[in-house]
């Protein structure tokens, strides 16, 4: 099944590109002996494709009537905005 292959490939990429076995201090102050930087995987062309396809399949399964999906982006902060810039659009029931 393509879904299983996509998940397996994404896990493979995360393991290869994002996983590091090293001591880190988390924002909570606790320590961990590994670190996973998902950006290293997700920001590749293949990572974008796989995450998008898997997310799309989950949306179709969990919310088939969804008209749009949105969220905050880091770009706004990088550009110096004071807060999130988004607008909610309700398409009805």
Protein backbone atom coordinates (compact mmCIF):
# COMPACT_ATOMS: atom_id res chain seq x y z
CA UNK A 1 0.00 0.00 0.00
CA UNK A 2 1.32 3.48 -0.90
CA UNK A 3 0.45 4.90 2.51
CA UNK A 4 2.62 2.31 4.26
CA UNK A 5 5.49 3.02 1.84
CA UNK A 6 5.15 6.78 2.40
CA UNK A 7 5.22 6.40 6.19
CA UNK A 8 8.18 4.02 6.03
CA UNK A 9 10.11 6.37 3.73
CA UNK A 10 9.36 9.39 5.94
CA UNK A 11 10.59 7.47 9.00
CA UNK A 12 13.72 6.49 7.06
CA UNK A 13 14.39 10.13 6.16
CA UNK A 14 13.77 11.29 9.73
CA UNK A 15 16.22 8.67 10.98
CA UNK A 16 18.87 9.59 8.41
CA UNK A 17 18.54 13.38 8.39
CA UNK A 18 16.93 14.48 11.65
CA UNK A 19 17.91 12.09 14.47
CA UNK A 20 21.03 12.78 16.53
CA UNK A 21 22.19 10.78 19.52
CA UNK A 22 23.66 13.50 21.73
CA UNK A 23 22.98 15.14 25.07
CA UNK A 24 20.69 18.18 24.86
CA UNK A 25 18.90 20.41 27.34
CA UNK A 26 15.24 20.84 26.45
CA UNK A 27 13.32 24.09 26.84
CA UNK A 28 11.75 22.57 29.97
CA UNK A 29 15.22 22.36 31.51
CA UNK A 30 15.22 18.56 31.43
CA UNK A 31 17.95 16.69 29.61
CA UNK A 32 17.65 14.16 26.81
CA UNK A 33 20.24 11.89 25.22
CA UNK A 34 18.82 12.37 21.71
CA UNK A 35 17.51 15.18 19.52
CA UNK A 36 15.20 15.11 16.49
CA UNK A 37 15.23 18.19 14.24
CA UNK A 38 12.32 17.49 11.90
CA UNK A 39 13.06 20.60 9.83
CA UNK A 40 16.05 18.81 8.32
CA UNK A 41 13.68 16.27 6.80
CA UNK A 42 10.52 18.28 6.21
CA UNK A 43 12.34 21.08 4.40
CA UNK A 44 13.65 18.74 1.70
CA UNK A 45 11.64 18.28 -1.48
CA UNK A 46 10.92 14.63 -0.71
CA UNK A 47 10.05 15.44 2.91
CA UNK A 48 7.59 18.14 1.81
CA UNK A 49 5.98 15.73 -0.61
CA UNK A 50 5.65 12.88 1.90
CA UNK A 51 4.34 15.02 4.77
CA UNK A 52 1.85 16.72 2.44
CA UNK A 53 0.59 13.45 1.03
CA UNK A 54 0.26 11.79 4.45
CA UNK A 55 -1.46 14.86 5.90
CA UNK A 56 -3.85 15.02 2.96
CA UNK A 57 -4.81 11.37 3.47
CA UNK A 58 -5.45 11.99 7.17
CA UNK A 59 -7.60 15.01 6.39
CA UNK A 60 -9.62 13.00 3.87
CA UNK A 61 -10.13 10.28 6.47
CA UNK A 62 -10.75 12.43 9.57
CA UNK A 63 -12.45 15.53 8.12
CA UNK A 64 -13.65 14.79 4.59
CA UNK A 65 -15.78 17.95 4.50
CA UNK A 66 -12.81 20.24 5.27
CA UNK A 67 -12.55 23.13 2.83
CA UNK A 68 -9.20 24.46 4.03
CA UNK A 69 -6.37 23.79 6.44
CA UNK A 70 -4.24 26.51 7.95
CA UNK A 71 -1.87 27.33 10.72
CA UNK A 72 0.75 29.72 11.91
CA UNK A 73 4.04 29.92 10.10
CA UNK A 74 7.48 30.87 11.30
CA UNK A 75 7.83 33.31 8.41
CA UNK A 76 5.77 35.95 10.20
CA UNK A 77 8.18 36.01 13.13
CA UNK A 78 11.19 36.02 10.84
CA UNK A 79 9.78 39.13 9.19
CA UNK A 80 9.36 40.81 12.55
CA UNK A 81 5.57 40.72 12.86
CA UNK A 82 4.17 41.28 16.35
CA UNK A 83 1.84 38.31 16.15
CA UNK A 84 0.24 35.79 13.83
CA UNK A 85 -1.38 37.04 10.66
CA UNK A 86 -4.23 34.80 9.77
CA UNK A 87 -7.87 34.99 9.01
CA UNK A 88 -10.39 32.32 9.78
CA UNK A 89 -12.75 31.51 6.97
CA UNK A 90 -15.78 29.44 7.85
CA UNK A 91 -17.39 27.71 4.92
CA UNK A 92 -20.50 26.69 6.83
CA UNK A 93 -21.50 23.38 8.41
